[in-house]
Amino acid sequence: MSDTGGRWALAATEGGGARLVALGPGGAPRGPVVTAPDLVTAVRDRPHVERWVWRSTPEIHPRLLDAGVRVERCHDIEAAEQLLLGHEGRLGEPRSAGAALARLRGGPVPPDPPPRSAEPGAQSSLFDPVPVPLPLESLVEVYGEQQRRLDATEHPGRMRLLVAAESAGMLVAGEMGRAGLPWRADVHRRVLAELLGERYAGGGEPRRLAELADEISAAFGRRVRPELPAEVIKAFARDGVRLRSTRRWELEEIDHPAVAPLLEYKRLYRIWVAHGWSWLQDWVRDGRFRPSYLPGGTVSGRWTTQGGGALQIPRVIRRAVVADDGWRLVVADVAQMEPRVLAAISRDPGLMEVAGHDGDLYALLSDRAFSGDREQAKLALLGAIYGQTSGDGLRNLAALRRRFPAAVAHVDEAARAGEEGRLVRTWLGRTSPRAVGRDEGDEAGLPQEAPEPAPGSGGSDGFTPGHSSADARARGRFTRNFVVQGSAADWALLLLAALRQALSGIRAELVFFQHDEVIVHCPAEEAETVARAIGRAAGIAGEAAFGRTPVRFPLTTAVVECYADAK
């Protein structure tokens, strides 16, 4: 091994310099402390370092990207601390490196500083706490303790892989935010004009929304503001229609002349507020949309973003996502990922055999357990994952349990553990909180493009904790889904890590990721190479995450100039 290889700990100094030291087994220093004039020089001069250990990737990585310095791997102390706290049943405690050091030394634990806003033009308050650089010796001390805590986890090898994958995700997030998603502002404006009509002076609703509001009011025979759900519910009640909400599925079940214009108003209002002209002005610069990604932004490990609504881009707005001249977008998403993940983590022989094929998993499932009825097979499997355990869902689940007992038992046990207040873990070791409210990672204030939960299902976003049996059942639905959705999120991290390595020698750039979909922007001549690389990365991720199983994770891949043409 080169004297610059292996693992090195790196810390910034208050004067802008850097101190670093090579690490040996268990995280102990294995050489003298070295100084460098700055972080960039420290990393650039040591290209053979296998993994950098540092406090926070968002603190250091942007400076390296600015200087064109690539990091192969890192151990993010604060990302690892979050995972370890969760595993120890202490999720919610401060996760900063300073807090970890205070816990280690038995001192008062400082609160985490508030996250910095990624909103364009946002400025930090003079009174916002700023993280103090952690001395190198303290950083090494925390890292060594994290290694000991990793050794004490239920499955140390898996947990170490999860920490490495989460740290890799932090690198990917920074690089994707820097590269940006190609975005044609002129196309976006044209789409908005087609959908919403012209804008009125003063920032009021555009013409089409105003017309729909008039239609809705006419249907009720009185003025109703459709953007206010409480007012809409009252208007229906006056007409003898009782609603619990204005969700689409509930509105579609009633017969009233206001329903059609109201549904269209809701669709267009969401686009206007979340991705309208103001959004375009704030978020698109130099032909790129650059959101700030938050790996592990939800308790299940799924990513979120700080503002911008990157993970809820409406299908019609995707027409503005256009590759540069001579370049292409390679768009790939995993087919039926969560059922395949359930097969892998439950080790159910029958379901693994079904998930070992690249074809339509639900069709294959229907041939084995549902007399060829694909829709019933799909409802049964998703019902097992999401907790649809009443009516048809209960009958379908019984049929699924007879044919695939280990798979159903796996999610049943997770639900039971949740109802009893026990912790549950993903395959790699990401751990559910003891109590969780509505998913903290969702972008507050932004309309959600994700499908609304069907009536009778528990959804997958968490629940409001309490003491009733209904609360316990809600927690059980959450943990039932958590073990599958969280394991899928862990697999996706490994996919990103493998793909990042595969793209390192070519011009292609990872520019977008959400849940089960990636987009790579590349020269047209590299498109086929990229498509093959994504397929290989999926296989690597599957074996790394779950070991050697028959389960496959096939991808639907499209090479397009416009994102909207991918599906």
Protein backbone atom coordinates (compact mmCIF):
# COMPACT_ATOMS: atom_id res chain seq x y z
CA MET A 1 0.00 0.00 0.00
CA SER A 2 1.25 3.47 -0.85
CA ASP A 3 2.03 5.77 2.09
CA THR A 4 -0.85 7.91 0.83
CA GLY A 5 -3.30 5.00 0.54
CA GLY A 6 -5.71 3.49 3.04
CA ARG A 7 -7.94 5.69 5.20
CA TRP A 8 -7.08 9.23 6.21
CA ALA A 9 -8.87 11.52 8.63
CA LEU A 10 -9.16 15.13 7.49
CA ALA A 11 -10.21 18.20 9.44
CA ALA A 12 -10.33 21.88 8.62
CA THR A 13 -8.70 24.41 10.90
CA GLU A 14 -10.18 27.74 11.90
CA GLY A 15 -7.57 29.53 9.82
CA GLY A 16 -8.60 27.77 6.61
CA GLY A 17 -5.86 25.18 6.65
CA ALA A 18 -6.13 21.42 7.04
CA ARG A 19 -4.74 18.73 9.33
CA LEU A 20 -4.79 15.06 8.43
CA VAL A 21 -3.52 11.70 9.60
CA ALA A 22 -3.44 8.16 8.27
CA LEU A 23 -5.61 5.66 10.13
CA GLY A 24 -4.93 2.06 11.02
CA PRO A 25 -7.16 -0.80 12.19
CA GLY A 26 -9.99 0.31 14.44
CA GLY A 27 -9.52 3.93 13.46
CA ALA A 28 -6.33 4.57 15.46
CA PRO A 29 -3.72 6.93 13.95
CA ARG A 30 -0.88 5.10 12.25
CA GLY A 31 1.46 7.97 11.57
CA PRO A 32 2.22 11.59 12.34
CA VAL A 33 -0.27 14.41 11.87
CA VAL A 34 0.32 16.26 8.58
CA THR A 35 -0.66 19.83 7.78
CA ALA A 36 -1.75 21.34 4.48
CA PRO A 37 -2.51 24.91 3.45
CA ASP A 38 -6.12 24.01 2.71
CA LEU A 39 -8.52 21.10 2.28
CA VAL A 40 -8.19 21.04 -1.50
CA THR A 41 -4.41 20.68 -1.38
CA ALA A 42 -4.66 17.99 1.27
CA VAL A 43 -6.90 15.84 -0.91
CA ARG A 44 -5.40 16.67 -4.30
CA ASP A 45 -1.91 15.68 -3.13
CA ARG A 46 -3.11 12.25 -2.02
CA PRO A 47 -4.97 10.71 -4.98
CA HIS A 48 -4.43 7.17 -3.72
CA VAL A 49 -6.34 7.56 -0.46
CA GLU A 50 -9.00 4.85 -0.47
CA ARG A 51 -11.42 6.55 1.91
CA TRP A 52 -11.45 9.98 3.53
CA VAL A 53 -12.87 10.30 7.03
CA TRP A 54 -14.33 13.73 7.70
CA ARG A 55 -16.96 15.48 9.75
CA SER A 56 -19.49 16.33 7.09
CA THR A 57 -19.55 15.88 3.34
CA PRO A 58 -21.64 19.04 2.73
CA GLU A 59 -18.96 20.98 4.62
CA ILE A 60 -15.93 19.75 2.65
CA HIS A 61 -17.11 18.30 -0.65
CA PRO A 62 -18.29 21.56 -2.30
CA ARG A 63 -14.80 23.05 -1.95
CA LEU A 64 -13.30 20.01 -3.62
CA LEU A 65 -15.86 20.15 -6.44
CA ASP A 66 -15.08 23.83 -6.98
CA ALA A 67 -11.43 22.87 -7.48
CA GLY A 68 -12.20 19.89 -9.73
CA VAL A 69 -10.95 17.35 -7.20
CA ARG A 70 -12.72 13.98 -7.16
CA VAL A 71 -13.05 11.83 -4.04
CA GLU A 72 -13.49 8.11 -4.52
CA ARG A 73 -14.93 7.25 -1.11
CA CYS A 74 -15.54 8.83 2.25
CA HIS A 75 -16.81 8.12 5.74
CA ASP A 76 -19.16 10.92 6.75
CA ILE A 77 -19.02 11.09 10.55
CA GLU A 78 -22.37 12.83 10.90
CA ALA A 79 -24.21 10.58 8.45
CA ALA A 80 -22.79 7.56 10.27
CA GLU A 81 -23.80 9.02 13.63
CA GLN A 82 -27.39 9.36 12.45
CA LEU A 83 -27.51 5.71 11.44
CA LEU A 84 -25.87 4.54 14.66
CA LEU A 85 -28.22 6.59 16.84
CA GLY A 86 -31.13 5.02 15.01
CA HIS A 87 -29.76 1.52 15.50
CA GLU A 88 -29.38 2.22 19.22
CA GLY A 89 -32.99 3.43 19.49
CA ARG A 90 -31.92 7.06 19.98
CA LEU A 91 -32.99 8.61 16.69
CA GLY A 92 -33.70 12.28 17.21
CA GLU A 93 -30.71 12.95 19.45
CA PRO A 94 -28.20 15.48 18.06
CA ARG A 95 -26.12 13.89 15.30
CA SER A 96 -23.32 16.41 14.85
CA ALA A 97 -19.72 15.37 15.35
CA GLY A 98 -19.57 17.76 18.31
CA ALA A 99 -22.57 16.05 19.88
CA ALA A 100 -21.01 12.63 19.31
CA LEU A 101 -17.83 13.81 21.01
CA ALA A 102 -19.77 15.22 23.97
CA ARG A 103 -21.63 11.91 24.44
CA LEU A 104 -18.34 10.04 24.26
CA ARG A 105 -16.75 12.23 26.92
CA GLY A 106 -19.84 12.50 29.10
CA GLY A 107 -20.27 16.24 28.66
CA PRO A 108 -23.30 18.37 27.82
CA VAL A 109 -24.54 17.55 24.34
CA PRO A 110 -24.97 20.60 22.07
CA PRO A 111 -28.05 20.78 19.84
CA ASP A 112 -27.62 20.38 16.12
CA PRO A 113 -27.50 23.65 14.19
CA PRO A 114 -30.55 24.25 11.98
CA PRO A 115 -30.12 23.16 8.36
CA ARG A 116 -29.07 25.93 6.03
CA SER A 117 -31.78 26.90 3.62
CA ALA A 118 -31.21 25.95 -0.01
CA GLU A 119 -33.86 28.37 -1.25
CA PRO A 120 -32.41 30.72 -3.87
CA GLY A 121 -31.47 34.03 -2.28
CA ALA A 122 -31.85 32.71 1.26
CA GLN A 123 -29.45 34.24 3.75
CA SER A 124 -28.30 32.87 7.07
CA SER A 125 -29.27 34.80 10.17
CA LEU A 126 -26.49 36.41 12.14
CA PHE A 127 -27.78 34.48 15.12
CA ASP A 128 -27.79 31.03 13.50
CA PRO A 129 -25.24 28.75 15.19
CA VAL A 130 -22.35 27.82 12.91
CA PRO A 131 -20.62 24.44 13.33
CA VAL A 132 -17.21 24.88 14.94
CA PRO A 133 -14.43 22.92 13.21
CA LEU A 134 -13.73 19.76 15.18
CA PRO A 135 -10.02 19.29 15.94
CA LEU A 136 -8.46 16.39 14.10
CA GLU A 137 -7.72 14.49 17.30
CA SER A 138 -11.36 14.77 18.37
CA LEU A 139 -12.53 13.64 14.92
CA VAL A 140 -10.31 10.56 15.14
CA GLU A 141 -11.62 9.86 18.64
CA VAL A 142 -15.24 9.95 17.43
CA TYR A 143 -14.40 7.81 14.40
CA GLY A 144 -12.75 5.16 16.57
CA GLU A 145 -15.80 5.05 18.83
CA GLN A 146 -18.06 4.70 15.79
CA GLN A 147 -16.01 1.69 14.70
CA ARG A 148 -16.55 0.09 18.10
CA ARG A 149 -20.28 0.84 17.93
CA LEU A 150 -20.48 -0.66 14.46
CA ASP A 151 -18.84 -3.84 15.77
CA ALA A 152 -21.57 -4.01 18.44
CA THR A 153 -24.51 -3.85 16.00
CA GLU A 154 -26.70 -6.83 15.21
CA HIS A 155 -25.03 -7.44 11.84
CA PRO A 156 -21.76 -5.47 11.76
CA GLY A 157 -20.91 -6.29 8.15
CA ARG A 158 -24.27 -5.12 6.87
CA MET A 159 -24.22 -2.00 9.02
CA ARG A 160 -20.75 -1.06 7.81
CA LEU A 161 -21.99 -1.44 4.24
CA LEU A 162 -24.93 0.82 5.03
CA VAL A 163 -22.65 3.51 6.48
CA ALA A 164 -20.40 3.29 3.42
CA ALA A 165 -23.41 3.49 1.10
CA GLU A 166 -24.90 6.47 2.94
CA SER A 167 -21.54 8.25 2.75
CA ALA A 168 -21.33 7.49 -0.97
CA GLY A 169 -24.83 8.91 -1.34
CA MET A 170 -23.61 12.16 0.19
CA LEU A 171 -20.93 12.38 -2.52
CA VAL A 172 -23.45 11.63 -5.26
CA ALA A 173 -25.86 14.24 -3.91
CA GLY A 174 -23.21 16.94 -4.00
CA GLU A 175 -22.12 16.04 -7.51
CA MET A 176 -25.68 15.89 -8.86
CA GLY A 177 -26.49 19.25 -7.31
CA ARG A 178 -23.38 20.71 -8.92
CA ALA A 179 -24.03 19.20 -12.36
CA GLY A 180 -27.72 20.13 -12.42
CA LEU A 181 -30.60 18.71 -14.43
CA PRO A 182 -30.70 20.16 -17.97
CA TRP A 183 -33.69 22.50 -18.14
CA ARG A 184 -35.10 24.54 -21.03
CA ALA A 185 -36.71 27.65 -19.58
CA ASP A 186 -38.32 28.54 -22.92
CA VAL A 187 -40.04 25.14 -23.11
CA HIS A 188 -41.18 25.46 -19.50
CA ARG A 189 -42.77 28.87 -20.19
CA ARG A 190 -44.51 27.47 -23.25
CA VAL A 191 -45.95 24.57 -21.23
CA LEU A 192 -47.19 26.93 -18.54
CA ALA A 193 -48.88 29.12 -21.14
CA GLU A 194 -50.60 26.08 -22.65
CA LEU A 195 -51.83 24.83 -19.28
CA LEU A 196 -52.56 28.00 -17.35
CA GLY A 197 -53.10 30.73 -19.90
CA GLU A 198 -51.80 34.22 -19.50
CA ARG A 199 -50.84 35.71 -16.16
CA TYR A 200 -52.68 38.67 -14.68
CA ALA A 201 -50.90 41.69 -13.21
CA GLY A 202 -50.34 41.64 -9.48
CA GLY A 203 -49.47 37.95 -9.18
CA GLY A 204 -53.04 36.64 -9.07
CA GLU A 205 -54.19 33.32 -10.45
CA PRO A 206 -53.62 32.85 -14.19
CA ARG A 207 -56.55 32.87 -16.56
CA ARG A 208 -57.34 29.13 -16.67
CA LEU A 209 -57.44 28.82 -12.88
CA ALA A 210 -59.72 31.82 -12.65
CA GLU A 211 -62.05 30.26 -15.23
CA LEU A 212 -62.15 26.97 -13.33
CA ALA A 213 -62.82 28.77 -10.06
CA ASP A 214 -65.83 30.43 -11.71
CA GLU A 215 -67.08 27.04 -12.98
CA ILE A 216 -66.76 25.54 -9.50
CA SER A 217 -68.61 28.44 -7.90
CA ALA A 218 -71.35 28.19 -10.53
CA ALA A 219 -71.76 24.48 -9.81
CA PHE A 220 -72.33 25.26 -6.12
CA GLY A 221 -74.50 28.30 -6.80
CA ARG A 222 -72.34 30.45 -4.54
CA ARG A 223 -68.79 31.79 -4.44
CA VAL A 224 -66.33 29.10 -3.32
CA ARG A 225 -62.57 29.40 -3.14
CA PRO A 226 -61.35 26.04 -4.45
CA GLU A 227 -57.83 26.46 -3.09
CA LEU A 228 -59.24 26.18 0.47
CA PRO A 229 -60.18 22.54 1.27
CA ALA A 230 -62.30 23.48 4.31
CA GLU A 231 -64.42 25.81 2.20
CA VAL A 232 -64.87 23.16 -0.48
CA ILE A 233 -65.95 20.56 2.09
CA LYS A 234 -68.50 22.99 3.52
CA ALA A 235 -69.83 23.74 0.04
CA PHE A 236 -70.38 20.04 -0.64
CA ALA A 237 -72.02 19.62 2.76
CA ARG A 238 -74.55 22.33 1.91
CA ASP A 239 -75.46 20.24 -1.13
CA GLY A 240 -75.88 17.12 0.99
CA VAL A 241 -72.51 15.51 0.20
CA ARG A 242 -70.31 14.60 3.14
CA LEU A 243 -66.55 14.48 2.55
CA ARG A 244 -63.66 13.84 4.90
CA SER A 245 -61.13 15.46 2.57
CA THR A 246 -60.73 16.80 -0.95
CA ARG A 247 -58.39 14.00 -2.04
CA ARG A 248 -58.83 12.93 -5.62
CA TRP A 249 -60.01 9.37 -4.91
CA GLU A 250 -62.71 10.65 -2.55
CA LEU A 251 -63.96 13.28 -4.99
CA GLU A 252 -64.10 10.76 -7.82
CA GLU A 253 -66.61 8.67 -5.88
CA ILE A 254 -69.31 11.35 -5.79
CA ASP A 255 -71.69 12.65 -8.44
CA HIS A 256 -71.69 16.45 -8.45
CA PRO A 257 -71.13 19.02 -11.24
CA ALA A 258 -68.32 20.67 -9.26
CA VAL A 259 -66.13 17.54 -9.23
CA ALA A 260 -64.68 17.69 -12.76
CA PRO A 261 -63.63 21.38 -12.66
CA LEU A 262 -62.39 20.95 -9.07
CA LEU A 263 -60.12 18.05 -9.98
CA GLU A 264 -58.71 20.01 -12.91
CA TYR A 265 -58.27 23.07 -10.70
CA LYS A 266 -56.34 21.03 -8.12
CA ARG A 267 -54.06 19.61 -10.81
CA LEU A 268 -53.28 22.98 -12.36
CA TYR A 269 -53.06 24.80 -9.04
CA ARG A 270 -50.38 22.35 -7.91
CA ILE A 271 -48.36 23.04 -11.06
CA TRP A 272 -48.78 26.82 -10.72
CA VAL A 273 -47.68 26.88 -7.07
CA ALA A 274 -44.95 24.25 -7.18
CA HIS A 275 -43.48 24.62 -10.70
CA GLY A 276 -44.90 27.82 -12.11
CA TRP A 277 -43.28 31.03 -13.29
CA SER A 278 -41.95 31.98 -9.85
CA TRP A 279 -40.35 28.57 -9.45
CA LEU A 280 -38.71 28.88 -12.86
CA GLN A 281 -37.29 32.30 -12.00
CA ASP A 282 -35.96 31.11 -8.64
CA TRP A 283 -34.54 27.69 -9.47
CA VAL A 284 -33.32 27.54 -13.08
CA ARG A 285 -29.99 29.17 -13.91
CA ASP A 286 -27.81 28.77 -17.01
CA GLY A 287 -29.98 25.97 -18.37
CA ARG A 288 -29.79 23.85 -15.20
CA PHE A 289 -32.05 23.05 -12.26
CA ARG A 290 -29.81 22.49 -9.24
CA PRO A 291 -31.71 21.24 -6.20
CA SER A 292 -30.03 20.47 -2.88
CA TYR A 293 -30.47 16.76 -2.27
CA LEU A 294 -30.74 15.32 1.25
CA PRO A 295 -29.74 11.63 1.32
CA GLY A 296 -31.64 9.84 4.05
CA GLY A 297 -33.98 12.80 4.36
CA THR A 298 -36.82 10.54 5.53
CA VAL A 299 -36.72 7.93 8.26
CA SER A 300 -36.95 5.16 5.67
CA GLY A 301 -33.77 6.38 3.98
CA ARG A 302 -35.48 7.86 0.94
CA TRP A 303 -34.01 11.10 -0.31
CA THR A 304 -35.65 14.48 -0.12
CA THR A 305 -34.59 17.92 -1.32
CA GLN A 306 -34.40 21.30 0.35
CA GLY A 307 -36.94 23.21 -1.69
CA GLY A 308 -37.43 23.11 -5.42
CA GLY A 309 -39.77 20.12 -5.54
CA ALA A 310 -37.23 18.07 -7.47
CA LEU A 311 -38.80 14.79 -6.43
CA GLN A 312 -42.31 15.85 -7.49
CA ILE A 313 -41.77 17.07 -11.05
CA PRO A 314 -45.16 16.68 -12.78
CA ARG A 315 -45.11 14.60 -15.92
CA VAL A 316 -46.17 17.52 -18.11
CA ILE A 317 -43.37 19.73 -16.75
CA ARG A 318 -40.82 17.07 -17.66
CA ARG A 319 -41.13 18.36 -21.22
CA ALA A 320 -38.74 21.12 -20.12
CA VAL A 321 -36.02 18.62 -19.17
CA VAL A 322 -34.10 18.46 -22.44
CA ALA A 323 -30.56 17.22 -23.08
CA ASP A 324 -27.91 19.56 -24.44
CA ASP A 325 -27.26 19.51 -28.18
CA GLY A 326 -25.48 16.29 -29.08
CA TRP A 327 -26.22 14.80 -25.66
CA ARG A 328 -28.84 12.37 -24.42
CA LEU A 329 -30.68 11.54 -21.22
CA VAL A 330 -30.44 7.91 -20.16
CA VAL A 331 -33.46 7.37 -17.91
CA ALA A 332 -33.67 4.11 -15.98
CA ASP A 333 -36.09 2.92 -13.34
CA VAL A 334 -36.41 -0.37 -11.54
CA ALA A 335 -39.41 -2.46 -12.43
CA GLN A 336 -41.56 -3.39 -9.39
CA MET A 337 -38.70 -2.75 -6.97
CA GLU A 338 -40.40 -3.15 -3.60
CA PRO A 339 -41.93 -6.59 -4.28
CA ARG A 340 -38.52 -7.76 -5.46
CA VAL A 341 -36.91 -6.37 -2.33
CA LEU A 342 -39.48 -8.22 -0.22
CA ALA A 343 -38.48 -11.45 -1.94
CA ALA A 344 -34.81 -10.80 -1.17
CA ILE A 345 -35.22 -9.85 2.50
CA SER A 346 -37.82 -12.51 3.36
CA ARG A 347 -35.88 -15.30 1.64
CA ASP A 348 -39.21 -16.79 0.60
CA PRO A 349 -38.22 -19.51 -1.93
CA GLY A 350 -41.37 -19.16 -4.03
CA LEU A 351 -41.30 -15.37 -4.22
CA MET A 352 -37.56 -15.36 -4.93
CA GLU A 353 -38.20 -17.74 -7.82
CA VAL A 354 -40.85 -15.36 -9.22
CA ALA A 355 -38.58 -12.33 -8.68
CA GLY A 356 -35.75 -14.14 -10.43
CA HIS A 357 -37.35 -13.32 -13.79
CA ASP A 358 -37.06 -10.03 -15.67
CA GLY A 359 -40.67 -10.07 -16.81
CA ASP A 360 -43.80 -8.64 -15.24
CA LEU A 361 -43.62 -9.85 -11.65
CA TYR A 362 -47.37 -9.45 -11.05
CA ALA A 363 -48.23 -11.51 -14.13
CA LEU A 364 -45.87 -14.26 -13.00
CA LEU A 365 -47.34 -14.10 -9.51
CA SER A 366 -50.88 -14.32 -10.84
CA ASP A 367 -50.07 -17.54 -12.70
CA ARG A 368 -48.89 -19.17 -9.48
CA ALA A 369 -51.45 -18.02 -6.94
CA PHE A 370 -54.31 -16.04 -8.47
CA SER A 371 -55.57 -18.04 -11.45
CA GLY A 372 -54.01 -15.63 -13.91
CA ASP A 373 -55.67 -12.52 -12.42
CA ARG A 374 -52.82 -9.99 -12.55
CA GLU A 375 -54.76 -7.22 -10.82
CA GLN A 376 -55.60 -9.43 -7.85
CA ALA A 377 -51.97 -10.52 -7.61
CA LYS A 378 -50.81 -6.92 -7.60
CA LEU A 379 -53.35 -5.89 -4.96
CA ALA A 380 -52.35 -8.82 -2.77
CA LEU A 381 -48.62 -8.13 -2.87
CA LEU A 382 -48.90 -4.38 -2.43
CA GLY A 383 -51.51 -4.93 0.26
CA ALA A 384 -49.05 -7.08 2.18
CA ILE A 385 -46.41 -4.36 1.93
CA TYR A 386 -48.64 -1.37 2.64
CA GLY A 387 -51.04 -2.90 5.13
CA GLN A 388 -54.25 -3.22 3.12
CA THR A 389 -55.77 -5.82 5.41
CA SER A 390 -59.52 -5.35 5.08
CA GLY A 391 -62.13 -6.28 2.46
CA ASP A 392 -60.63 -7.61 -0.76
CA GLY A 393 -57.19 -6.87 0.64
CA LEU A 394 -57.72 -9.39 3.43
CA ARG A 395 -58.90 -12.13 1.04
CA ASN A 396 -55.98 -11.46 -1.31
CA LEU A 397 -53.55 -11.53 1.58
CA ALA A 398 -54.82 -14.93 2.69
CA ALA A 399 -54.17 -16.34 -0.79
CA LEU A 400 -50.70 -14.78 -0.79
CA ARG A 401 -49.94 -16.19 2.65
CA ARG A 402 -50.77 -19.73 1.52
CA ARG A 403 -48.46 -19.52 -1.49
CA PHE A 404 -45.65 -17.36 -0.08
CA PRO A 405 -45.72 -17.82 3.70
CA ALA A 406 -42.22 -16.54 4.49
CA ALA A 407 -42.76 -13.28 2.61
CA VAL A 408 -46.03 -12.49 4.36
CA ALA A 409 -44.62 -13.58 7.72
CA HIS A 410 -41.73 -11.14 7.30
CA VAL A 411 -43.95 -8.08 6.95
CA ASP A 412 -46.45 -9.42 9.48
CA GLU A 413 -43.68 -9.65 12.08
CA ALA A 414 -42.54 -6.11 11.25
CA ALA A 415 -46.11 -4.88 11.75
CA ARG A 416 -46.43 -6.75 15.04
CA ALA A 417 -43.13 -5.30 16.26
CA GLY A 418 -44.32 -1.82 15.40
CA GLU A 419 -47.63 -2.28 17.20
CA GLU A 420 -45.73 -3.42 20.29
CA GLY A 421 -43.39 -0.42 20.17
CA ARG A 422 -40.31 -2.43 19.20
CA LEU A 423 -37.68 -1.28 16.73
CA VAL A 424 -37.54 -2.74 13.25
CA ARG A 425 -34.64 -2.64 10.83
CA THR A 426 -34.00 -2.81 7.13
CA TRP A 427 -31.89 -5.66 5.83
CA LEU A 428 -28.71 -3.59 6.19
CA GLY A 429 -29.65 -2.13 9.57
CA ARG A 430 -31.38 1.22 9.08
CA THR A 431 -33.74 1.43 12.04
CA SER A 432 -37.22 2.83 12.43
CA PRO A 433 -37.83 5.41 15.15
CA ARG A 434 -39.79 4.39 18.23
CA ALA A 435 -42.44 6.93 17.23
CA VAL A 436 -42.73 8.93 14.04
CA GLY A 437 -44.95 11.74 12.89
CA ARG A 438 -45.95 12.58 9.35
CA ASP A 439 -42.80 12.05 7.34
CA GLU A 440 -40.39 14.76 8.44
CA GLY A 441 -38.56 14.64 5.14
CA ASP A 442 -41.45 15.89 3.02
CA GLU A 443 -40.98 19.38 1.68
CA ALA A 444 -43.30 21.46 3.80
CA GLY A 445 -45.68 23.65 1.88
CA LEU A 446 -45.24 21.98 -1.47
CA PRO A 447 -48.11 20.03 -3.04
CA GLN A 448 -47.19 16.38 -3.35
CA GLU A 449 -47.10 14.73 -6.75
CA ALA A 450 -46.92 11.26 -5.23
CA PRO A 451 -50.10 9.18 -5.55
CA GLU A 452 -52.56 9.64 -2.74
CA PRO A 453 -53.12 6.56 -0.54
CA ALA A 454 -56.19 4.54 -1.39
CA PRO A 455 -59.01 4.40 1.12
CA GLY A 456 -58.42 1.79 3.80
CA SER A 457 -54.66 1.72 3.34
CA GLY A 458 -52.27 3.11 5.89
CA GLY A 459 -50.18 4.98 3.36
CA SER A 460 -46.41 4.90 3.79
CA ASP A 461 -45.51 8.28 5.22
CA GLY A 462 -45.68 7.50 8.92
CA PHE A 463 -48.34 8.36 11.48
CA THR A 464 -49.16 10.55 14.42
CA PRO A 465 -48.14 8.76 17.61
CA GLY A 466 -50.53 8.31 20.49
CA HIS A 467 -51.78 5.71 22.92
CA SER A 468 -54.87 4.20 21.29
CA SER A 469 -55.16 0.87 19.53
CA ALA A 470 -55.68 2.82 16.30
CA ASP A 471 -52.30 4.46 16.82
CA ALA A 472 -50.70 1.09 17.40
CA ARG A 473 -52.22 -0.26 14.18
CA ALA A 474 -50.99 2.83 12.32
CA ARG A 475 -47.49 2.23 13.63
CA GLY A 476 -47.75 -1.39 12.57
CA ARG A 477 -48.65 -0.33 9.03
CA PHE A 478 -45.67 2.02 9.04
CA THR A 479 -43.16 -0.59 10.22
CA ARG A 480 -44.65 -3.19 7.85
CA ASN A 481 -43.78 -0.91 4.97
CA PHE A 482 -40.56 0.40 6.53
CA VAL A 483 -38.68 -2.90 6.31
CA VAL A 484 -39.40 -3.09 2.58
CA GLN A 485 -39.24 0.55 1.55
CA GLY A 486 -36.17 1.16 3.71
CA SER A 487 -34.36 -1.88 2.31
CA ALA A 488 -35.21 -0.63 -1.18
CA ALA A 489 -33.71 2.76 -0.30
CA ASP A 490 -30.56 1.05 0.94
CA TRP A 491 -30.32 -0.93 -2.31
CA ALA A 492 -30.73 2.29 -4.30
CA LEU A 493 -27.77 3.83 -2.45
CA LEU A 494 -25.60 0.92 -3.51
CA LEU A 495 -26.84 1.32 -7.08
CA LEU A 496 -25.79 4.97 -7.03
CA ALA A 497 -22.39 4.14 -5.56
CA ALA A 498 -21.72 1.46 -8.18
CA LEU A 499 -22.93 3.68 -11.02
CA ARG A 500 -20.82 6.61 -9.81
CA GLN A 501 -17.73 4.43 -10.00
CA ALA A 502 -18.69 3.12 -13.45
CA LEU A 503 -19.07 6.64 -14.87
CA SER A 504 -15.81 7.99 -13.47
CA GLY A 505 -13.81 7.56 -16.68
CA ILE A 506 -16.24 9.12 -19.17
CA ARG A 507 -18.01 12.46 -19.66
CA ALA A 508 -21.42 11.22 -18.53
CA GLU A 509 -22.90 12.80 -15.40
CA LEU A 510 -25.45 11.54 -12.91
CA VAL A 511 -27.96 14.39 -12.80
CA PHE A 512 -31.10 13.06 -11.10
CA PHE A 513 -32.27 10.41 -8.68
CA GLN A 514 -35.58 9.67 -6.99
CA HIS A 515 -36.49 6.47 -5.17
CA ASP A 516 -36.20 3.98 -8.05
CA GLU A 517 -35.17 6.15 -10.99
CA VAL A 518 -31.88 7.63 -12.18
CA ILE A 519 -31.06 10.00 -15.04
CA VAL A 520 -27.62 10.25 -16.60
CA HIS A 521 -26.80 13.11 -18.99
CA CYS A 522 -24.17 12.04 -21.50
CA PRO A 523 -22.85 12.59 -25.02
CA ALA A 524 -24.94 10.65 -27.52
CA GLU A 525 -22.04 8.31 -28.31
CA GLU A 526 -21.81 7.25 -24.65
CA ALA A 527 -25.51 6.47 -24.21
CA GLU A 528 -25.33 2.73 -24.81
CA THR A 529 -22.28 2.43 -22.57
CA VAL A 530 -24.17 4.26 -19.84
CA ALA A 531 -27.26 2.06 -20.24
CA ARG A 532 -25.15 -1.07 -19.82
CA ALA A 533 -23.37 0.47 -16.82
CA ILE A 534 -26.69 1.13 -15.08
CA GLY A 535 -27.76 -2.48 -15.63
CA ARG A 536 -24.49 -3.79 -14.20
CA ALA A 537 -24.75 -1.41 -11.23
CA ALA A 538 -28.20 -2.81 -10.42
CA GLY A 539 -26.80 -6.32 -10.32
CA ILE A 540 -23.83 -5.26 -8.20
CA ALA A 541 -26.16 -3.48 -5.77
CA GLY A 542 -28.46 -6.48 -5.48
CA GLU A 543 -25.67 -8.87 -4.59
CA ALA A 544 -23.92 -6.39 -2.27
CA ALA A 545 -27.12 -5.61 -0.38
CA PHE A 546 -28.78 -9.02 -0.13
CA GLY A 547 -26.10 -11.55 -0.97
CA ARG A 548 -26.41 -14.07 -3.76
CA THR A 549 -30.11 -14.72 -4.30
CA PRO A 550 -32.14 -15.57 -7.40
CA VAL A 551 -33.78 -12.12 -7.20
CA ARG A 552 -33.17 -9.81 -10.12
CA PHE A 553 -33.69 -6.05 -10.36
CA PRO A 554 -34.46 -5.42 -14.04
CA LEU A 555 -34.43 -1.88 -15.32
CA THR A 556 -36.61 -0.10 -17.85
CA THR A 557 -34.12 2.09 -19.69
CA ALA A 558 -34.78 4.77 -22.29
CA VAL A 559 -32.31 6.91 -24.22
CA VAL A 560 -34.10 10.16 -25.03
CA GLU A 561 -33.55 13.84 -25.69
CA CYS A 562 -36.50 14.86 -23.50
CA TYR A 563 -37.36 13.41 -20.09
CA ALA A 564 -41.09 13.38 -20.90
CA ASP A 565 -40.41 10.90 -23.73
CA ALA A 566 -38.90 8.31 -21.39
CA LYS A 567 -42.26 6.83 -20.34
